[in-house]
Amino acid sequence: MSLQTFDLIVIGAGPGGYVCAFRAAQLGLKVALIDKRASLGGTCLNVGCIPSKALLASSEHFLFAQKHAAEHGIKIDGVSIDVAAMLKKKDGIVSKLTGGVAALAKARKVTVITGEAAFVSANTVAVGDQQLTAKNIVIATGSAPVELPFMKFDGETVISSTEALTLTTVPKKLVVVGGGAIGLELGSVWARLGAEVTVVEFLPKIAATFDDDIVRNFTRLLQKQGLKIECGAKVTGFANGVLTAEREGKVLEFPADKVLVAVGRRPFADNLNLAAAGVALTDKKRIQVDAHLKTTAAGVWAIGDVIDGPMLAHKAEEDGIAVAEWIAGKHGHVNWDLMPAIVYTDPELASVGLGEDAAKAKGLAINVGKFNFAANARALANDAGDGYVKIIADAKTDKILGAQILGKNAGELISEIVTHMEYGGSAEDLARTIHAHPTMSEAVKEAAMAVSKSAIHAI
């Protein structure tokens, strides 16, 4: 069995893994990047973040043409859906991006190996008939969809997000189990294309990490779009085309052609043979790491979805860059407290830091500033008057503690708030930052001004 020696081996070529490998290569390390897929990019790029955003965009275009173009004086007759063409467009975007990652790996002289890796020891892994050794190994194998034990995936009727991205026809009735980002995004796609979509959520509200007021408004907007939202309902099974659930002692029934189970994701470290390396797990079956993402095995690190923290691609990327820098003797840094979270529906949801509800639960004295997009000129011109920006600041110091946005492009708008929070900025700092007019970002400025009750375009 051949043995190849590297400075660093990265297992998993998703956003965390390939970014870690590329940063390490930039810093002069000899790097091997291993992934079971021939196309790099992991779940996010191949069957997650990117293809779902492509379908979201395509379905938004269809909805505009079907229902909103006439309002703009655009007359379109005979609007119809070509699902095959839509999927081809999605696949083309994925292929272009995965090809780009492969080209970057080649340019940075990263050795890419396709296959499943397993530890032989803390500094050696096997991939098929090859063995690779390195002083440092990074585990970046990501996550997999959680399967309900009483309603297992069959790939046809009970499906995961992977299959929901490749449906060749629009289901008549789609039931989504789980009201988190994945379920709401994919439910929105197929609802726009004509499916009757029902979201069944066990918790009292969808998008559970967001403030109650935000979620109330968000729920209302989704219902207006035709999605049925059933909260506080515990799914009990699926048989003969009917999904059953219980709520307050009553049995609920939901007919379904397809059931999308989107109740979360689990860390994926299957078949890695972690015991051979001496890598320990936490009680929640995530890989145990210290403050510098080192595992219990010397020279073995772990990043992204396999460790504690939010399962977000950008979190994995930041982990990967920091670890590469630490391994190279540099000063890596991640501020895990300022990790933005986004739901890419229409309108979008975005948050960073503490929400209003969480801040009050901690007993913090806060001031809150809100500004409605309905009072923003660019938002109205863009048919984006729904929602608002909310900024939470410390009542004494005015330091921004967090923000939540419900609205078009919320995922883009949240970034400047993250930036101000990164240096410990105040609501006044944000309020006194010049914003171009007319832009939707002016709503962020006005919300910051509203913290001190000085918003210009609101009473």
Protein backbone atom coordinates (compact mmCIF):
# COMPACT_ATOMS: atom_id res chain seq x y z
CA MET A 1 0.00 0.00 0.00
CA SER A 2 1.50 3.33 -1.09
CA LEU A 3 2.14 6.03 1.53
CA GLN A 4 2.06 9.73 0.65
CA THR A 5 3.26 12.42 3.04
CA PHE A 6 1.74 15.89 3.39
CA ASP A 7 1.89 18.81 5.80
CA LEU A 8 -1.91 18.81 6.06
CA ILE A 9 -4.71 16.43 5.12
CA VAL A 10 -8.25 17.79 4.95
CA ILE A 11 -11.09 15.26 4.95
CA GLY A 12 -14.16 16.77 3.30
CA ALA A 13 -14.25 19.28 0.45
CA GLY A 14 -17.26 21.35 1.45
CA PRO A 15 -17.03 25.10 2.18
CA GLY A 16 -15.10 24.44 5.38
CA GLY A 17 -12.75 21.82 3.99
CA TYR A 18 -11.77 23.30 0.66
CA VAL A 19 -11.38 26.80 2.14
CA CYS A 20 -9.13 25.36 4.85
CA ALA A 21 -7.07 23.53 2.22
CA PHE A 22 -6.74 26.60 0.01
CA ARG A 23 -5.73 28.89 2.88
CA ALA A 24 -3.14 26.36 4.06
CA ALA A 25 -1.75 26.13 0.53
CA GLN A 26 -1.54 29.93 0.39
CA LEU A 27 0.57 29.74 3.56
CA GLY A 28 3.02 27.33 1.96
CA LEU A 29 1.79 23.95 3.23
CA LYS A 30 1.68 20.79 1.13
CA VAL A 31 -2.01 19.86 1.26
CA ALA A 32 -4.19 16.88 0.37
CA LEU A 33 -7.96 17.34 0.08
CA ILE A 34 -10.11 14.19 0.25
CA ASP A 35 -13.79 13.91 -0.64
CA LYS A 36 -16.13 11.07 -1.51
CA ARG A 37 -17.60 13.13 -4.37
CA ALA A 38 -15.74 13.67 -7.62
CA SER A 39 -17.11 17.24 -7.68
CA LEU A 40 -15.78 19.46 -4.92
CA GLY A 41 -17.93 21.79 -2.82
CA GLY A 42 -19.62 19.33 -0.47
CA THR A 43 -23.33 19.27 0.32
CA CYS A 44 -23.60 23.06 0.13
CA LEU A 45 -22.43 23.41 -3.44
CA ASN A 46 -23.71 20.12 -4.85
CA VAL A 47 -27.06 19.43 -3.14
CA GLY A 48 -27.66 22.25 -0.67
CA CYS A 49 -27.13 26.01 -0.48
CA ILE A 50 -26.41 26.72 -4.13
CA PRO A 51 -28.93 24.56 -6.03
CA SER A 52 -31.67 25.63 -3.62
CA LYS A 53 -30.89 29.30 -4.26
CA ALA A 54 -30.97 28.66 -8.01
CA LEU A 55 -34.45 27.15 -7.71
CA LEU A 56 -35.57 29.96 -5.43
CA ALA A 57 -34.49 32.49 -8.07
CA SER A 58 -36.16 30.59 -10.93
CA SER A 59 -39.41 30.17 -9.01
CA GLU A 60 -39.42 33.87 -8.09
CA HIS A 61 -39.09 34.76 -11.78
CA PHE A 62 -42.02 32.49 -12.60
CA LEU A 63 -44.17 33.99 -9.86
CA PHE A 64 -43.38 37.51 -11.06
CA ALA A 65 -44.27 36.65 -14.64
CA GLN A 66 -47.45 34.91 -13.57
CA LYS A 67 -48.82 37.30 -10.96
CA HIS A 68 -46.94 40.59 -10.77
CA ALA A 69 -45.67 41.55 -14.22
CA ALA A 70 -49.02 43.06 -15.22
CA GLU A 71 -48.77 45.55 -12.36
CA HIS A 72 -45.65 46.92 -14.07
CA GLY A 73 -47.35 47.20 -17.43
CA ILE A 74 -45.75 44.00 -18.69
CA LYS A 75 -48.23 41.73 -20.44
CA ILE A 76 -47.26 38.06 -20.62
CA ASP A 77 -49.66 35.51 -22.02
CA GLY A 78 -49.50 31.76 -21.54
CA VAL A 79 -46.95 31.62 -18.73
CA SER A 80 -46.02 28.01 -18.00
CA ILE A 81 -43.36 25.98 -16.25
CA ASP A 82 -40.69 23.83 -17.86
CA VAL A 83 -39.35 21.98 -14.83
CA ALA A 84 -36.68 20.20 -16.87
CA ALA A 85 -35.28 23.52 -18.11
CA MET A 86 -35.38 24.90 -14.57
CA LEU A 87 -33.41 21.92 -13.28
CA LYS A 88 -30.94 22.26 -16.18
CA LYS A 89 -30.35 25.89 -15.24
CA LYS A 90 -29.76 24.86 -11.63
CA ASP A 91 -27.38 22.07 -12.62
CA GLY A 92 -25.45 24.42 -14.88
CA ILE A 93 -24.83 26.83 -12.02
CA VAL A 94 -23.66 23.98 -9.79
CA SER A 95 -21.35 22.61 -12.50
CA LYS A 96 -19.80 26.01 -13.11
CA LEU A 97 -19.09 26.55 -9.43
CA THR A 98 -17.78 23.05 -8.70
CA GLY A 99 -15.54 23.38 -11.76
CA GLY A 100 -14.30 26.67 -10.40
CA VAL A 101 -13.35 25.08 -7.08
CA ALA A 102 -11.50 22.30 -8.91
CA ALA A 103 -9.59 24.89 -10.95
CA LEU A 104 -8.62 26.76 -7.78
CA ALA A 105 -7.39 23.53 -6.19
CA LYS A 106 -5.21 22.84 -9.21
CA ALA A 107 -3.86 26.39 -9.30
CA ARG A 108 -2.91 26.17 -5.62
CA LYS A 109 -1.29 22.74 -6.12
CA VAL A 110 -3.65 21.04 -3.67
CA THR A 111 -3.68 17.27 -4.20
CA VAL A 112 -7.31 16.20 -4.61
CA ILE A 113 -8.19 12.57 -3.83
CA THR A 114 -11.64 11.10 -4.48
CA GLY A 115 -12.83 8.43 -2.07
CA GLU A 116 -13.89 7.77 1.51
CA ALA A 117 -11.22 8.35 4.14
CA ALA A 118 -10.79 6.41 7.38
CA PHE A 119 -8.28 6.93 10.14
CA VAL A 120 -5.54 4.34 10.58
CA SER A 121 -3.97 6.40 13.36
CA ALA A 122 -3.97 10.03 14.49
CA ASN A 123 -1.61 11.01 11.67
CA THR A 124 -2.54 8.50 8.95
CA VAL A 125 -5.67 7.94 6.86
CA ALA A 126 -6.54 5.34 4.26
CA VAL A 127 -8.45 6.03 1.06
CA GLY A 128 -9.01 2.81 -0.82
CA ASP A 129 -5.57 1.28 -1.42
CA GLN A 130 -3.78 4.53 -0.63
CA GLN A 131 -2.45 5.72 2.72
CA LEU A 132 -1.71 9.34 3.49
CA THR A 133 0.15 10.71 6.48
CA ALA A 134 0.53 14.23 7.86
CA LYS A 135 1.41 16.00 11.08
CA ASN A 136 -2.00 17.70 10.95
CA ILE A 137 -5.37 16.37 9.79
CA VAL A 138 -8.60 18.37 9.63
CA ILE A 139 -12.02 16.69 9.78
CA ALA A 140 -14.53 18.67 7.69
CA THR A 141 -17.07 16.03 6.70
CA GLY A 142 -20.15 18.17 7.28
CA SER A 143 -23.63 16.94 8.05
CA ALA A 144 -26.49 14.80 6.74
CA PRO A 145 -30.30 15.16 6.94
CA VAL A 146 -31.91 13.83 10.12
CA GLU A 147 -34.19 10.88 9.42
CA LEU A 148 -37.32 10.24 11.46
CA PRO A 149 -37.07 6.65 12.77
CA PHE A 150 -40.78 5.98 12.18
CA MET A 151 -40.82 7.60 8.73
CA LYS A 152 -37.59 6.77 6.95
CA PHE A 153 -36.55 8.29 3.64
CA ASP A 154 -37.53 6.23 0.61
CA GLY A 155 -36.30 8.75 -1.96
CA GLU A 156 -39.65 8.74 -3.72
CA THR A 157 -42.47 9.82 -1.42
CA VAL A 158 -40.71 10.53 1.89
CA ILE A 159 -37.80 12.65 0.75
CA SER A 160 -34.93 14.74 2.07
CA SER A 161 -33.76 18.11 0.79
CA THR A 162 -31.56 16.30 -1.75
CA GLU A 163 -34.53 14.76 -3.57
CA ALA A 164 -36.58 17.96 -3.19
CA LEU A 165 -34.01 19.68 -5.43
CA THR A 166 -34.53 17.21 -8.26
CA LEU A 167 -38.29 16.66 -8.49
CA THR A 168 -39.15 16.41 -12.18
CA THR A 169 -42.80 17.36 -11.73
CA VAL A 170 -44.61 19.71 -9.38
CA PRO A 171 -46.35 17.70 -6.64
CA LYS A 172 -50.02 18.42 -6.12
CA LYS A 173 -49.76 18.27 -2.34
CA LEU A 174 -46.41 18.68 -0.59
CA VAL A 175 -46.18 18.39 3.19
CA VAL A 176 -43.00 19.79 4.72
CA VAL A 177 -42.09 18.42 8.13
CA GLY A 178 -40.04 21.12 9.82
CA GLY A 179 -40.37 24.89 9.77
CA GLY A 180 -36.69 25.80 9.67
CA ALA A 181 -34.70 27.38 6.85
CA ILE A 182 -34.47 24.30 4.61
CA GLY A 183 -38.14 23.37 4.84
CA LEU A 184 -39.37 26.93 4.34
CA GLU A 185 -37.08 27.62 1.39
CA LEU A 186 -37.90 24.42 -0.51
CA GLY A 187 -41.56 24.67 0.46
CA SER A 188 -41.57 28.18 -1.05
CA VAL A 189 -40.02 26.93 -4.29
CA TRP A 190 -42.67 24.31 -4.94
CA ALA A 191 -45.53 26.50 -3.69
CA ARG A 192 -44.59 29.17 -6.24
CA LEU A 193 -44.61 26.53 -8.94
CA GLY A 194 -48.14 25.42 -8.04
CA ALA A 195 -47.94 22.83 -5.28
CA GLU A 196 -50.30 22.99 -2.33
CA VAL A 197 -47.76 23.21 0.50
CA THR A 198 -48.37 22.58 4.20
CA VAL A 199 -45.58 23.13 6.72
CA VAL A 200 -45.93 21.05 9.90
CA GLU A 201 -43.76 22.24 12.78
CA PHE A 202 -43.45 20.67 16.22
CA LEU A 203 -42.48 23.93 17.95
CA PRO A 204 -44.95 26.77 18.64
CA LYS A 205 -43.55 28.80 15.72
CA ILE A 206 -41.59 28.43 12.51
CA ALA A 207 -38.09 29.96 12.22
CA ALA A 208 -37.78 29.34 15.93
CA THR A 209 -34.53 31.28 16.52
CA PHE A 210 -36.10 34.59 15.47
CA ASP A 211 -38.07 37.03 17.64
CA ASP A 212 -41.78 36.42 18.09
CA ASP A 213 -42.83 39.65 16.39
CA ILE A 214 -40.66 38.92 13.36
CA VAL A 215 -42.05 35.39 13.09
CA ARG A 216 -45.68 36.55 13.41
CA ASN A 217 -45.22 38.90 10.47
CA PHE A 218 -43.20 36.35 8.50
CA THR A 219 -45.85 33.67 9.03
CA ARG A 220 -48.58 36.02 7.84
CA LEU A 221 -46.64 36.79 4.66
CA LEU A 222 -46.02 33.11 3.89
CA GLN A 223 -49.69 32.33 4.44
CA LYS A 224 -50.58 35.16 2.09
CA GLN A 225 -48.40 33.44 -0.51
CA GLY A 226 -50.45 30.26 -0.08
CA LEU A 227 -48.37 28.20 2.34
CA LYS A 228 -50.32 26.54 5.13
CA ILE A 229 -48.51 26.71 8.46
CA GLU A 230 -49.34 24.20 11.20
CA CYS A 231 -47.33 24.76 14.39
CA GLY A 232 -47.35 22.85 17.68
CA ALA A 233 -48.02 19.64 15.76
CA LYS A 234 -46.10 16.43 16.43
CA VAL A 235 -45.84 14.19 13.37
CA THR A 236 -46.78 10.59 14.14
CA GLY A 237 -46.57 8.84 10.78
CA PHE A 238 -47.32 8.60 7.08
CA ALA A 239 -49.39 5.91 5.40
CA ASN A 240 -51.66 5.61 2.35
CA GLY A 241 -50.85 9.13 1.18
CA VAL A 242 -51.77 10.79 4.50
CA LEU A 243 -49.40 12.30 7.05
CA THR A 244 -50.73 12.26 10.62
CA ALA A 245 -49.83 14.52 13.51
CA GLU A 246 -51.08 15.29 17.02
CA ARG A 247 -51.83 18.68 18.57
CA GLU A 248 -53.42 19.16 21.98
CA GLY A 249 -54.74 15.61 21.95
CA LYS A 250 -56.31 15.91 18.53
CA VAL A 251 -55.27 13.93 15.46
CA LEU A 252 -54.49 15.98 12.35
CA GLU A 253 -54.39 14.55 8.84
CA PHE A 254 -52.58 16.01 5.84
CA PRO A 255 -52.92 14.34 2.41
CA ALA A 256 -49.59 14.36 0.57
CA ASP A 257 -48.09 13.24 -2.73
CA LYS A 258 -44.64 14.04 -1.32
CA VAL A 259 -43.42 14.48 2.25
CA LEU A 260 -40.26 16.53 2.67
CA VAL A 261 -38.66 15.81 6.03
CA ALA A 262 -36.54 18.81 7.02
CA VAL A 263 -36.22 18.50 10.80
CA GLY A 264 -32.54 19.32 10.94
CA ARG A 265 -29.15 17.87 10.14
CA ARG A 266 -26.76 15.64 12.06
CA PRO A 267 -22.96 15.71 12.09
CA PHE A 268 -21.63 13.25 9.53
CA ALA A 269 -18.53 11.36 10.63
CA ASP A 270 -19.70 7.90 9.61
CA ASN A 271 -17.02 5.38 8.69
CA LEU A 272 -14.14 7.71 9.63
CA ASN A 273 -12.96 5.25 12.30
CA LEU A 274 -12.49 8.08 14.78
CA ALA A 275 -11.59 5.62 17.55
CA ALA A 276 -8.39 4.66 15.72
CA ALA A 277 -7.27 8.29 15.94
CA GLY A 278 -8.42 8.80 19.53
CA VAL A 279 -11.02 11.42 18.59
CA ALA A 280 -13.76 11.77 21.21
CA LEU A 281 -17.38 12.85 20.72
CA THR A 282 -19.59 15.05 22.88
CA ASP A 283 -22.87 13.90 24.41
CA LYS A 284 -24.59 15.29 21.30
CA LYS A 285 -22.42 13.09 19.04
CA ARG A 286 -20.44 16.02 17.70
CA ILE A 287 -16.66 15.92 17.62
CA GLN A 288 -15.19 17.36 20.81
CA VAL A 289 -12.85 20.32 20.25
CA ASP A 290 -11.17 23.01 22.33
CA ALA A 291 -11.20 26.77 21.77
CA HIS A 292 -8.77 26.35 18.87
CA LEU A 293 -10.77 23.52 17.27
CA LYS A 294 -8.27 20.83 18.29
CA THR A 295 -9.78 17.41 18.98
CA THR A 296 -8.72 15.04 21.74
CA ALA A 297 -6.14 13.52 19.35
CA ALA A 298 -2.84 15.34 18.86
CA GLY A 299 -2.65 16.93 15.41
CA VAL A 300 -6.30 16.26 14.56
CA TRP A 301 -8.65 19.23 14.17
CA ALA A 302 -12.36 19.48 13.35
CA ILE A 303 -14.43 22.26 11.79
CA GLY A 304 -17.92 23.11 10.54
CA ASP A 305 -21.00 20.95 11.03
CA VAL A 306 -19.22 18.08 12.84
CA ILE A 307 -18.56 20.29 15.89
CA ASP A 308 -20.73 22.44 18.16
CA GLY A 309 -22.23 25.61 16.76
CA PRO A 310 -24.63 26.55 13.96
CA MET A 311 -24.51 24.36 10.85
CA LEU A 312 -23.81 27.16 8.40
CA ALA A 313 -21.48 27.19 5.40
CA HIS A 314 -19.95 30.54 6.31
CA LYS A 315 -19.28 29.33 9.85
CA ALA A 316 -17.43 26.33 8.41
CA GLU A 317 -15.40 28.63 6.13
CA GLU A 318 -14.32 30.81 9.03
CA ASP A 319 -13.42 27.73 11.07
CA GLY A 320 -11.36 26.44 8.15
CA ILE A 321 -9.40 29.65 7.62
CA ALA A 322 -8.63 29.95 11.34
CA VAL A 323 -7.42 26.35 11.61
CA ALA A 324 -5.20 26.69 8.54
CA GLU A 325 -3.66 29.81 10.05
CA TRP A 326 -3.16 28.19 13.45
CA ILE A 327 -1.49 25.17 11.85
CA ALA A 328 0.80 27.50 9.89
CA GLY A 329 1.76 29.35 13.07
CA LYS A 330 -0.34 32.41 12.30
CA HIS A 331 -2.98 34.14 14.43
CA GLY A 332 -6.32 32.78 13.26
CA HIS A 333 -9.52 34.38 14.51
CA VAL A 334 -13.25 33.62 14.50
CA ASN A 335 -15.92 35.63 16.28
CA TRP A 336 -18.53 32.91 16.72
CA ASP A 337 -20.85 35.35 18.52
CA LEU A 338 -21.37 37.32 15.31
CA MET A 339 -22.47 34.55 12.96
CA PRO A 340 -25.31 35.81 10.74
CA ALA A 341 -28.18 33.42 10.01
CA ILE A 342 -30.46 33.73 6.98
CA VAL A 343 -33.65 32.15 5.67
CA TYR A 344 -33.74 32.72 1.89
CA THR A 345 -37.49 32.88 1.37
CA ASP A 346 -39.22 35.94 -0.06
CA PRO A 347 -39.09 38.03 2.01
CA GLU A 348 -35.87 36.84 3.62
CA LEU A 349 -35.12 36.59 7.31
CA ALA A 350 -31.70 37.55 8.67
CA SER A 351 -30.25 37.88 12.14
CA VAL A 352 -27.01 38.42 14.01
CA GLY A 353 -26.20 38.56 17.72
CA LEU A 354 -28.93 38.81 20.33
CA GLY A 355 -32.56 39.20 19.35
CA GLU A 356 -34.93 41.36 21.39
CA ASP A 357 -36.54 38.33 23.05
CA ALA A 358 -33.19 36.78 23.99
CA ALA A 359 -31.86 40.06 25.35
CA LYS A 360 -34.92 40.52 27.56
CA ALA A 361 -34.70 36.91 28.72
CA LYS A 362 -31.15 37.67 29.89
CA GLY A 363 -32.46 40.65 31.84
CA LEU A 364 -30.49 43.16 29.77
CA ALA A 365 -31.52 46.80 29.62
CA ILE A 366 -31.94 47.54 25.92
CA ASN A 367 -33.21 50.05 23.44
CA VAL A 368 -34.81 48.80 20.23
CA GLY A 369 -35.06 50.64 16.93
CA LYS A 370 -37.39 49.53 14.12
CA PHE A 371 -37.98 50.84 10.64
CA ASN A 372 -40.53 49.53 8.14
CA PHE A 373 -39.61 48.94 4.51
CA ALA A 374 -43.05 50.36 3.67
CA ALA A 375 -41.50 53.79 4.38
CA ASN A 376 -38.43 53.16 2.22
CA ALA A 377 -38.58 54.57 -1.31
CA ARG A 378 -36.40 51.95 -3.02
CA ALA A 379 -38.27 49.12 -1.30
CA LEU A 380 -41.58 50.40 -2.66
CA ALA A 381 -40.10 50.75 -6.14
CA ASN A 382 -38.86 47.17 -5.86
CA ASP A 383 -42.18 45.71 -4.69
CA ALA A 384 -40.40 45.05 -1.39
CA GLY A 385 -42.43 47.02 1.13
CA ASP A 386 -43.06 44.07 3.45
CA GLY A 387 -41.08 43.68 6.65
CA TYR A 388 -38.75 45.82 8.72
CA VAL A 389 -35.31 46.21 10.26
CA LYS A 390 -34.90 45.86 14.01
CA ILE A 391 -31.75 46.81 15.91
CA ILE A 392 -31.11 45.98 19.56
CA ALA A 393 -28.64 48.13 21.51
CA ASP A 394 -27.43 48.30 25.09
CA ALA A 395 -29.46 50.96 26.89
CA LYS A 396 -26.42 52.41 28.68
CA THR A 397 -23.58 52.17 26.14
CA ASP A 398 -25.60 52.11 22.88
CA LYS A 399 -23.42 49.19 21.70
CA ILE A 400 -25.26 47.13 19.10
CA LEU A 401 -26.13 43.75 20.63
CA GLY A 402 -27.95 42.27 17.65
CA ALA A 403 -30.28 42.81 14.75
CA GLN A 404 -33.04 41.03 12.86
CA ILE A 405 -34.37 41.86 9.42
CA LEU A 406 -37.52 40.67 7.67
CA GLY A 407 -37.49 41.81 4.08
CA LYS A 408 -36.22 41.57 0.54
CA ASN A 409 -32.44 41.09 0.44
CA ALA A 410 -32.26 40.85 4.23
CA GLY A 411 -29.30 38.49 3.85
CA GLU A 412 -27.34 41.21 2.08
CA LEU A 413 -28.46 44.02 4.38
CA ILE A 414 -27.42 42.25 7.58
CA SER A 415 -23.74 42.36 6.60
CA GLU A 416 -23.15 46.01 7.41
CA ILE A 417 -24.62 45.50 10.87
CA VAL A 418 -22.24 42.57 11.40
CA THR A 419 -19.39 44.85 10.35
CA HIS A 420 -20.31 47.54 12.88
CA MET A 421 -20.72 44.91 15.60
CA GLU A 422 -17.30 43.42 14.80
CA TYR A 423 -15.54 46.52 16.08
CA GLY A 424 -18.03 47.05 18.93
CA GLY A 425 -19.89 49.84 17.17
CA SER A 426 -22.90 51.66 18.58
CA ALA A 427 -26.29 52.30 17.06
CA GLU A 428 -25.19 55.93 16.68
CA ASP A 429 -22.11 54.82 14.71
CA LEU A 430 -24.39 52.99 12.31
CA ALA A 431 -26.89 55.87 12.22
CA ARG A 432 -24.15 58.36 11.31
CA THR A 433 -22.77 56.17 8.53
CA ILE A 434 -23.76 57.67 5.19
CA HIS A 435 -26.09 55.49 3.11
CA ALA A 436 -26.78 56.17 -0.56
CA HIS A 437 -30.27 57.27 -1.58
CA PRO A 438 -32.42 55.65 -2.73
CA THR A 439 -31.40 52.25 -1.37
CA MET A 440 -33.02 49.66 0.85
CA SER A 441 -29.99 49.96 3.14
CA GLU A 442 -31.40 53.31 4.28
CA ALA A 443 -33.87 51.27 6.33
CA VAL A 444 -30.90 49.96 8.33
CA LYS A 445 -29.71 53.50 8.98
CA GLU A 446 -33.21 54.61 9.99
CA ALA A 447 -33.58 51.63 12.38
CA ALA A 448 -30.29 52.61 13.98
CA MET A 449 -31.57 56.18 14.33
CA ALA A 450 -34.81 54.83 15.81
CA VAL A 451 -32.83 53.31 18.70
CA SER A 452 -32.53 56.88 20.04
CA LYS A 453 -35.99 57.79 18.74
CA SER A 454 -34.52 60.01 16.04
CA ALA A 455 -35.63 58.28 12.83
CA ILE A 456 -36.31 60.86 10.14
CA HIS A 457 -38.91 59.04 8.05
CA ALA A 458 -41.00 57.53 10.84
CA ILE A 459 -43.04 58.98 13.68
